[in-house]
Amino acid sequence: MDTITATDPSKDELKSTDATDLESSAPVVPLFDRSKRFWAIIITLSVASLLSALENSVVTTALPFIVTQLDLGTEYIWVTNVFFLTA
């Protein structure tokens, strides 16, 4: 007995058309060019964040002395806010 296996051509056609439909309907995303301008912005933002963190550590370390000299008691939170607003 010979067994004949028949393939359904409509399934093969559906598979091939589904793949091409997906490829053609996919949005084209342009590659992002990381130029010198991009890296200059990233470096500038990094340096600004680093300097802000350093300034915050200085104010936090010096805050107990500032509070005692200005005799502020518990109302010391405005010192850090004023420092960062003016900096």
PDB file of N, CA and C in Angstrom:
ATOM      1  N   MET A   1       0.823  -1.172   0.000  1.00  0.00           N
ATOM      2  CA  MET A   1       0.000   0.000   0.000  1.00  0.00           C
ATOM      3  C   MET A   1       0.870   1.239   0.000  1.00  0.00           C
ATOM      4  N   ASP A   2       0.661   2.010  -0.937  1.00  0.00           N
ATOM      5  CA  ASP A   2       1.373   3.267  -1.013  1.00  0.00           C
ATOM      6  C   ASP A   2       0.531   4.349  -0.325  1.00  0.00           C
ATOM      7  N   THR A   3       1.219   5.098   0.515  1.00  0.00           N
ATOM      8  CA  THR A   3       0.531   6.177   1.201  1.00  0.00           C
ATOM      9  C   THR A   3       0.862   7.467   0.491  1.00  0.00           C
ATOM     10  N   ILE A   4      -0.129   8.140   0.114  1.00  0.00           N
ATOM     11  CA  ILE A   4       0.065   9.407  -0.566  1.00  0.00           C
ATOM     12  C   ILE A   4      -0.290  10.514   0.414  1.00  0.00           C
ATOM     13  N   THR A   5       0.672  11.379   0.635  1.00  0.00           N
ATOM     14  CA  THR A   5       0.408  12.524   1.498  1.00  0.00           C
ATOM     15  C   THR A   5       0.272  13.745   0.616  1.00  0.00           C
ATOM     16  N   ALA A   6      -0.822  14.348   0.737  1.00  0.00           N
ATOM     17  CA  ALA A   6      -1.069  15.539  -0.074  1.00  0.00           C
ATOM     18  C   ALA A   6      -0.918  16.760   0.820  1.00  0.00           C
ATOM     19  N   THR A   7      -0.232  17.712   0.302  1.00  0.00           N
ATOM     20  CA  THR A   7      -0.117  18.972   1.039  1.00  0.00           C
ATOM     21  C   THR A   7      -1.159  19.923   0.500  1.00  0.00           C
ATOM     22  N   ASP A   8      -1.698  20.653   1.390  1.00  0.00           N
ATOM     23  CA  ASP A   8      -2.712  21.627   0.998  1.00  0.00           C
ATOM     24  C   ASP A   8      -1.996  22.885   0.516  1.00  0.00           C
ATOM     25  N   PRO A   9      -2.071  23.207  -0.745  1.00  0.00           N
ATOM     26  CA  PRO A   9      -1.336  24.363  -1.257  1.00  0.00           C
ATOM     27  C   PRO A   9      -1.842  25.686  -0.683  1.00  0.00           C
ATOM     28  N   SER A  10      -3.079  25.704  -0.251  1.00  0.00           N
ATOM     29  CA  SER A  10      -3.598  26.958   0.285  1.00  0.00           C
ATOM     30  C   SER A  10      -2.918  27.308   1.608  1.00  0.00           C
ATOM     31  N   LYS A  11      -2.533  26.300   2.408  1.00  0.00           N
ATOM     32  CA  LYS A  11      -1.829  26.569   3.662  1.00  0.00           C
ATOM     33  C   LYS A  11      -0.440  27.131   3.395  1.00  0.00           C
ATOM     34  N   ASP A  12       0.257  26.575   2.405  1.00  0.00           N
ATOM     35  CA  ASP A  12       1.574  27.086   2.055  1.00  0.00           C
ATOM     36  C   ASP A  12       1.490  28.522   1.563  1.00  0.00           C
ATOM     37  N   GLU A  13       0.477  28.792   0.773  1.00  0.00           N
ATOM     38  CA  GLU A  13       0.311  30.157   0.277  1.00  0.00           C
ATOM     39  C   GLU A  13      -0.007  31.125   1.406  1.00  0.00           C
ATOM     40  N   LEU A  14      -0.810  30.683   2.381  1.00  0.00           N
ATOM     41  CA  LEU A  14      -1.139  31.533   3.516  1.00  0.00           C
ATOM     42  C   LEU A  14       0.101  31.841   4.337  1.00  0.00           C
ATOM     43  N   LYS A  15       0.946  30.827   4.533  1.00  0.00           N
ATOM     44  CA  LYS A  15       2.163  31.056   5.313  1.00  0.00           C
ATOM     45  C   LYS A  15       3.073  32.068   4.635  1.00  0.00           C
ATOM     46  N   SER A  16       3.227  31.949   3.343  1.00  0.00           N
ATOM     47  CA  SER A  16       4.126  32.864   2.643  1.00  0.00           C
ATOM     48  C   SER A  16       3.534  34.276   2.565  1.00  0.00           C
ATOM     49  N   THR A  17       2.230  34.377   2.390  1.00  0.00           N
ATOM     50  CA  THR A  17       1.646  35.717   2.322  1.00  0.00           C
ATOM     51  C   THR A  17       1.589  36.366   3.692  1.00  0.00           C
ATOM     52  N   ASP A  18       1.403  35.576   4.759  1.00  0.00           N
ATOM     53  CA  ASP A  18       1.401  36.148   6.108  1.00  0.00           C
ATOM     54  C   ASP A  18       2.765  36.733   6.444  1.00  0.00           C
ATOM     55  N   ALA A  19       3.812  36.042   6.060  1.00  0.00           N
ATOM     56  CA  ALA A  19       5.157  36.529   6.363  1.00  0.00           C
ATOM     57  C   ALA A  19       5.459  37.816   5.604  1.00  0.00           C
ATOM     58  N   THR A  20       5.061  37.868   4.355  1.00  0.00           N
ATOM     59  CA  THR A  20       5.351  39.088   3.592  1.00  0.00           C
ATOM     60  C   THR A  20       4.462  40.231   4.036  1.00  0.00           C
ATOM     61  N   ASP A  21       3.235  39.931   4.457  1.00  0.00           N
ATOM     62  CA  ASP A  21       2.361  40.988   4.958  1.00  0.00           C
ATOM     63  C   ASP A  21       2.919  41.584   6.239  1.00  0.00           C
ATOM     64  N   LEU A  22       3.451  40.737   7.105  1.00  0.00           N
ATOM     65  CA  LEU A  22       4.029  41.240   8.350  1.00  0.00           C
ATOM     66  C   LEU A  22       5.256  42.093   8.081  1.00  0.00           C
ATOM     67  N   GLU A  23       6.067  41.664   7.144  1.00  0.00           N
ATOM     68  CA  GLU A  23       7.275  42.421   6.835  1.00  0.00           C
ATOM     69  C   GLU A  23       6.934  43.768   6.197  1.00  0.00           C
ATOM     70  N   SER A  24       5.940  43.772   5.341  1.00  0.00           N
ATOM     71  CA  SER A  24       5.596  45.014   4.653  1.00  0.00           C
ATOM     72  C   SER A  24       4.801  45.963   5.546  1.00  0.00           C
ATOM     73  N   SER A  25       4.087  45.426   6.549  1.00  0.00           N
ATOM     74  CA  SER A  25       3.291  46.294   7.411  1.00  0.00           C
ATOM     75  C   SER A  25       4.075  46.774   8.633  1.00  0.00           C
ATOM     76  N   ALA A  26       5.261  46.239   8.852  1.00  0.00           N
ATOM     77  CA  ALA A  26       6.065  46.665   9.993  1.00  0.00           C
ATOM     78  C   ALA A  26       6.569  48.085   9.758  1.00  0.00           C
ATOM     79  N   PRO A  27       6.501  48.927  10.785  1.00  0.00           N
ATOM     80  CA  PRO A  27       6.976  50.304  10.602  1.00  0.00           C
ATOM     81  C   PRO A  27       8.491  50.337  10.431  1.00  0.00           C
ATOM     82  N   VAL A  28       8.933  51.222   9.614  1.00  0.00           N
ATOM     83  CA  VAL A  28      10.362  51.373   9.362  1.00  0.00           C
ATOM     84  C   VAL A  28      10.905  52.360  10.387  1.00  0.00           C
ATOM     85  N   VAL A  29      11.839  51.887  11.205  1.00  0.00           N
ATOM     86  CA  VAL A  29      12.421  52.722  12.248  1.00  0.00           C
ATOM     87  C   VAL A  29      13.825  53.122  11.796  1.00  0.00           C
ATOM     88  N   PRO A  30      14.064  54.410  11.642  1.00  0.00           N
ATOM     89  CA  PRO A  30      15.409  54.825  11.216  1.00  0.00           C
ATOM     90  C   PRO A  30      16.410  54.621  12.353  1.00  0.00           C
ATOM     91  N   LEU A  31      17.626  54.330  11.983  1.00  0.00           N
ATOM     92  CA  LEU A  31      18.674  54.168  12.978  1.00  0.00           C
ATOM     93  C   LEU A  31      19.020  55.516  13.574  1.00  0.00           C
ATOM     94  N   PHE A  32      19.263  55.527  14.876  1.00  0.00           N
ATOM     95  CA  PHE A  32      19.578  56.764  15.573  1.00  0.00           C
ATOM     96  C   PHE A  32      21.064  57.033  15.439  1.00  0.00           C
ATOM     97  N   ASP A  33      21.399  58.186  14.897  1.00  0.00           N
ATOM     98  CA  ASP A  33      22.800  58.555  14.693  1.00  0.00           C
ATOM     99  C   ASP A  33      23.333  59.229  15.952  1.00  0.00           C
ATOM    100  N   ARG A  34      24.276  58.594  16.588  1.00  0.00           N
ATOM    101  CA  ARG A  34      24.882  59.162  17.800  1.00  0.00           C
ATOM    102  C   ARG A  34      26.095  59.995  17.388  1.00  0.00           C
ATOM    103  N   SER A  35      25.816  61.233  17.086  1.00  0.00           N
ATOM    104  CA  SER A  35      26.857  62.132  16.619  1.00  0.00           C
ATOM    105  C   SER A  35      27.581  62.761  17.802  1.00  0.00           C
ATOM    106  N   LYS A  36      28.485  63.678  17.499  1.00  0.00           N
ATOM    107  CA  LYS A  36      29.223  64.386  18.541  1.00  0.00           C
ATOM    108  C   LYS A  36      28.288  65.218  19.401  1.00  0.00           C
ATOM    109  N   ARG A  37      27.253  65.754  18.799  1.00  0.00           N
ATOM    110  CA  ARG A  37      26.290  66.562  19.540  1.00  0.00           C
ATOM    111  C   ARG A  37      25.576  65.726  20.606  1.00  0.00           C
ATOM    112  N   PHE A  38      25.179  64.500  20.255  1.00  0.00           N
ATOM    113  CA  PHE A  38      24.533  63.593  21.201  1.00  0.00           C
ATOM    114  C   PHE A  38      25.443  63.331  22.386  1.00  0.00           C
ATOM    115  N   TRP A  39      26.696  62.979  22.121  1.00  0.00           N
ATOM    116  CA  TRP A  39      27.623  62.667  23.205  1.00  0.00           C
ATOM    117  C   TRP A  39      27.947  63.906  24.032  1.00  0.00           C
ATOM    118  N   ALA A  40      27.978  65.081  23.422  1.00  0.00           N
ATOM    119  CA  ALA A  40      28.204  66.310  24.183  1.00  0.00           C
ATOM    120  C   ALA A  40      27.056  66.562  25.160  1.00  0.00           C
ATOM    121  N   ILE A  41      25.826  66.305  24.731  1.00  0.00           N
ATOM    122  CA  ILE A  41      24.673  66.479  25.611  1.00  0.00           C
ATOM    123  C   ILE A  41      24.724  65.471  26.755  1.00  0.00           C
ATOM    124  N   ILE A  42      25.026  64.224  26.460  1.00  0.00           N
ATOM    125  CA  ILE A  42      25.087  63.185  27.499  1.00  0.00           C
ATOM    126  C   ILE A  42      26.176  63.514  28.515  1.00  0.00           C
ATOM    127  N   ILE A  43      27.343  63.924  28.054  1.00  0.00           N
ATOM    128  CA  ILE A  43      28.442  64.265  28.962  1.00  0.00           C
ATOM    129  C   ILE A  43      28.081  65.474  29.813  1.00  0.00           C
ATOM    130  N   THR A  44      27.456  66.479  29.218  1.00  0.00           N
ATOM    131  CA  THR A  44      27.051  67.675  29.961  1.00  0.00           C
ATOM    132  C   THR A  44      26.044  67.333  31.051  1.00  0.00           C
ATOM    133  N   LEU A  45      25.055  66.511  30.723  1.00  0.00           N
ATOM    134  CA  LEU A  45      24.076  66.103  31.726  1.00  0.00           C
ATOM    135  C   LEU A  45      24.721  65.278  32.839  1.00  0.00           C
ATOM    136  N   SER A  46      25.672  64.429  32.488  1.00  0.00           N
ATOM    137  CA  SER A  46      26.363  63.623  33.497  1.00  0.00           C
ATOM    138  C   SER A  46      27.182  64.493  34.430  1.00  0.00           C
ATOM    139  N   VAL A  47      27.901  65.464  33.884  1.00  0.00           N
ATOM    140  CA  VAL A  47      28.714  66.364  34.715  1.00  0.00           C
ATOM    141  C   VAL A  47      27.815  67.210  35.612  1.00  0.00           C
ATOM    142  N   ALA A  48      26.700  67.677  35.089  1.00  0.00           N
ATOM    143  CA  ALA A  48      25.769  68.463  35.901  1.00  0.00           C
ATOM    144  C   ALA A  48      25.207  67.634  37.051  1.00  0.00           C
ATOM    145  N   SER A  49      24.887  66.385  36.791  1.00  0.00           N
ATOM    146  CA  SER A  49      24.387  65.505  37.853  1.00  0.00           C
ATOM    147  C   SER A  49      25.459  65.241  38.896  1.00  0.00           C
ATOM    148  N   LEU A  50      26.683  65.034  38.460  1.00  0.00           N
ATOM    149  CA  LEU A  50      27.791  64.792  39.386  1.00  0.00           C
ATOM    150  C   LEU A  50      28.046  66.009  40.266  1.00  0.00           C
ATOM    151  N   LEU A  51      28.073  67.187  39.675  1.00  0.00           N
ATOM    152  CA  LEU A  51      28.303  68.405  40.450  1.00  0.00           C
ATOM    153  C   LEU A  51      27.160  68.670  41.426  1.00  0.00           C
ATOM    154  N   SER A  52      25.954  68.388  41.020  1.00  0.00           N
ATOM    155  CA  SER A  52      24.812  68.555  41.916  1.00  0.00           C
ATOM    156  C   SER A  52      24.904  67.605  43.106  1.00  0.00           C
ATOM    157  N   ALA A  53      25.316  66.374  42.857  1.00  0.00           N
ATOM    158  CA  ALA A  53      25.481  65.415  43.955  1.00  0.00           C
ATOM    159  C   ALA A  53      26.596  65.855  44.897  1.00  0.00           C
ATOM    160  N   LEU A  54      27.692  66.384  44.359  1.00  0.00           N
ATOM    161  CA  LEU A  54      28.787  66.864  45.208  1.00  0.00           C
ATOM    162  C   LEU A  54      28.345  68.060  46.047  1.00  0.00           C
ATOM    163  N   GLU A  55      27.619  68.985  45.449  1.00  0.00           N
ATOM    164  CA  GLU A  55      27.128  70.139  46.193  1.00  0.00           C
ATOM    165  C   GLU A  55      26.171  69.712  47.298  1.00  0.00           C
ATOM    166  N   ASN A  56      25.338  68.725  47.003  1.00  0.00           N
ATOM    167  CA  ASN A  56      24.408  68.226  48.005  1.00  0.00           C
ATOM    168  C   ASN A  56      25.154  67.596  49.178  1.00  0.00           C
ATOM    169  N   SER A  57      26.220  66.873  48.902  1.00  0.00           N
ATOM    170  CA  SER A  57      26.987  66.268  50.000  1.00  0.00           C
ATOM    171  C   SER A  57      27.675  67.334  50.852  1.00  0.00           C
ATOM    172  N   VAL A  58      28.118  68.412  50.234  1.00  0.00           N
ATOM    173  CA  VAL A  58      28.752  69.497  50.982  1.00  0.00           C
ATOM    174  C   VAL A  58      27.736  70.176  51.894  1.00  0.00           C
ATOM    175  N   VAL A  59      26.568  70.472  51.353  1.00  0.00           N
ATOM    176  CA  VAL A  59      25.539  71.139  52.158  1.00  0.00           C
ATOM    177  C   VAL A  59      25.069  70.219  53.285  1.00  0.00           C
ATOM    178  N   THR A  60      24.871  68.957  52.997  1.00  0.00           N
ATOM    179  CA  THR A  60      24.414  68.025  54.019  1.00  0.00           C
ATOM    180  C   THR A  60      25.447  67.880  55.134  1.00  0.00           C
ATOM    181  N   THR A  61      26.725  67.892  54.784  1.00  0.00           N
ATOM    182  CA  THR A  61      27.776  67.782  55.787  1.00  0.00           C
ATOM    183  C   THR A  61      27.871  69.057  56.621  1.00  0.00           C
ATOM    184  N   ALA A  62      27.717  70.200  55.997  1.00  0.00           N
ATOM    185  CA  ALA A  62      27.862  71.471  56.701  1.00  0.00           C
ATOM    186  C   ALA A  62      26.574  71.938  57.373  1.00  0.00           C
ATOM    187  N   LEU A  63      25.459  71.272  57.111  1.00  0.00           N
ATOM    188  CA  LEU A  63      24.178  71.739  57.628  1.00  0.00           C
ATOM    189  C   LEU A  63      24.105  71.812  59.153  1.00  0.00           C
ATOM    190  N   PRO A  64      24.617  70.866  59.916  1.00  0.00           N
ATOM    191  CA  PRO A  64      24.550  71.009  61.376  1.00  0.00           C
ATOM    192  C   PRO A  64      25.258  72.278  61.880  1.00  0.00           C
ATOM    193  N   PHE A  65      26.386  72.615  61.293  1.00  0.00           N
ATOM    194  CA  PHE A  65      27.092  73.827  61.686  1.00  0.00           C
ATOM    195  C   PHE A  65      26.304  75.077  61.300  1.00  0.00           C
ATOM    196  N   ILE A  66      25.725  75.075  60.105  1.00  0.00           N
ATOM    197  CA  ILE A  66      24.935  76.216  59.645  1.00  0.00           C
ATOM    198  C   ILE A  66      23.730  76.424  60.562  1.00  0.00           C
ATOM    199  N   VAL A  67      23.075  75.333  60.936  1.00  0.00           N
ATOM    200  CA  VAL A  67      21.892  75.418  61.796  1.00  0.00           C
ATOM    201  C   VAL A  67      22.254  75.989  63.162  1.00  0.00           C
ATOM    202  N   THR A  68      23.375  75.561  63.729  1.00  0.00           N
ATOM    203  CA  THR A  68      23.757  76.089  65.051  1.00  0.00           C
ATOM    204  C   THR A  68      24.179  77.549  64.959  1.00  0.00           C
ATOM    205  N   GLN A  69      24.854  77.947  63.890  1.00  0.00           N
ATOM    206  CA  GLN A  69      25.289  79.335  63.753  1.00  0.00           C
ATOM    207  C   GLN A  69      24.118  80.287  63.522  1.00  0.00           C
ATOM    208  N   LEU A  70      23.122  79.833  62.777  1.00  0.00           N
ATOM    209  CA  LEU A  70      21.962  80.680  62.510  1.00  0.00           C
ATOM    210  C   LEU A  70      20.862  80.512  63.562  1.00  0.00           C
ATOM    211  N   ASP A  71      21.071  79.604  64.504  1.00  0.00           N
ATOM    212  CA  ASP A  71      20.125  79.338  65.586  1.00  0.00           C
ATOM    213  C   ASP A  71      18.728  79.065  65.030  1.00  0.00           C
ATOM    214  N   LEU A  72      18.652  78.070  64.111  1.00  0.00           N
ATOM    215  CA  LEU A  72      17.398  77.767  63.432  1.00  0.00           C
ATOM    216  C   LEU A  72      16.546  76.732  64.154  1.00  0.00           C
ATOM    217  N   GLY A  73      17.134  75.905  64.981  1.00  0.00           N
ATOM    218  CA  GLY A  73      16.368  74.856  65.648  1.00  0.00           C
ATOM    219  C   GLY A  73      15.911  73.812  64.647  1.00  0.00           C
ATOM    220  N   THR A  74      14.594  73.619  64.554  1.00  0.00           N
ATOM    221  CA  THR A  74      14.060  72.599  63.642  1.00  0.00           C
ATOM    222  C   THR A  74      13.710  73.158  62.265  1.00  0.00           C
ATOM    223  N   GLU A  75      13.835  74.442  62.062  1.00  0.00           N
ATOM    224  CA  GLU A  75      13.490  75.047  60.770  1.00  0.00           C
ATOM    225  C   GLU A  75      14.732  75.190  59.886  1.00  0.00           C
ATOM    226  N   TYR A  76      15.334  74.067  59.587  1.00  0.00           N
ATOM    227  CA  TYR A  76      16.586  74.090  58.823  1.00  0.00           C
ATOM    228  C   TYR A  76      16.404  73.646  57.375  1.00  0.00           C
ATOM    229  N   ILE A  77      15.263  73.153  57.020  1.00  0.00           N
ATOM    230  CA  ILE A  77      15.092  72.580  55.679  1.00  0.00           C
ATOM    231  C   ILE A  77      15.200  73.641  54.591  1.00  0.00           C
ATOM    232  N   TRP A  78      14.910  74.875  54.868  1.00  0.00           N
ATOM    233  CA  TRP A  78      14.958  75.915  53.850  1.00  0.00           C
ATOM    234  C   TRP A  78      16.382  76.193  53.385  1.00  0.00           C
ATOM    235  N   VAL A  79      17.378  75.829  54.210  1.00  0.00           N
ATOM    236  CA  VAL A  79      18.776  76.091  53.843  1.00  0.00           C
ATOM    237  C   VAL A  79      19.147  75.325  52.577  1.00  0.00           C
ATOM    238  N   THR A  80      18.806  74.051  52.513  1.00  0.00           N
ATOM    239  CA  THR A  80      19.132  73.260  51.314  1.00  0.00           C
ATOM    240  C   THR A  80      18.319  73.734  50.118  1.00  0.00           C
ATOM    241  N   ASN A  81      17.058  74.087  50.344  1.00  0.00           N
ATOM    242  CA  ASN A  81      16.229  74.553  49.225  1.00  0.00           C
ATOM    243  C   ASN A  81      16.761  75.858  48.647  1.00  0.00           C
ATOM    244  N   VAL A  82      17.155  76.793  49.506  1.00  0.00           N
ATOM    245  CA  VAL A  82      17.699  78.065  49.033  1.00  0.00           C
ATOM    246  C   VAL A  82      19.022  77.839  48.299  1.00  0.00           C
ATOM    247  N   PHE A  83      19.838  76.938  48.833  1.00  0.00           N
ATOM    248  CA  PHE A  83      21.119  76.659  48.191  1.00  0.00           C
ATOM    249  C   PHE A  83      20.920  76.137  46.762  1.00  0.00           C
ATOM    250  N   PHE A  84      20.006  75.213  46.581  1.00  0.00           N
ATOM    251  CA  PHE A  84      19.804  74.650  45.254  1.00  0.00           C
ATOM    252  C   PHE A  84      19.050  75.601  44.327  1.00  0.00           C
ATOM    253  N   LEU A  85      18.232  76.471  44.877  1.00  0.00           N
ATOM    254  CA  LEU A  85      17.584  77.477  44.018  1.00  0.00           C
ATOM    255  C   LEU A  85      18.577  78.510  43.497  1.00  0.00           C
ATOM    256  N   THR A  86      19.556  78.850  44.322  1.00  0.00           N
ATOM    257  CA  THR A  86      20.532  79.854  43.902  1.00  0.00           C
ATOM    258  C   THR A  86      21.694  79.275  43.108  1.00  0.00           C
ATOM    259  N   ALA A  87      21.914  77.994  43.219  1.00  0.00           N
ATOM    260  CA  ALA A  87      23.063  77.375  42.547  1.00  0.00           C
ATOM    261  C   ALA A  87      22.818  77.070  41.106  1.00  0.00           C
TER     262      ALA A  87
END
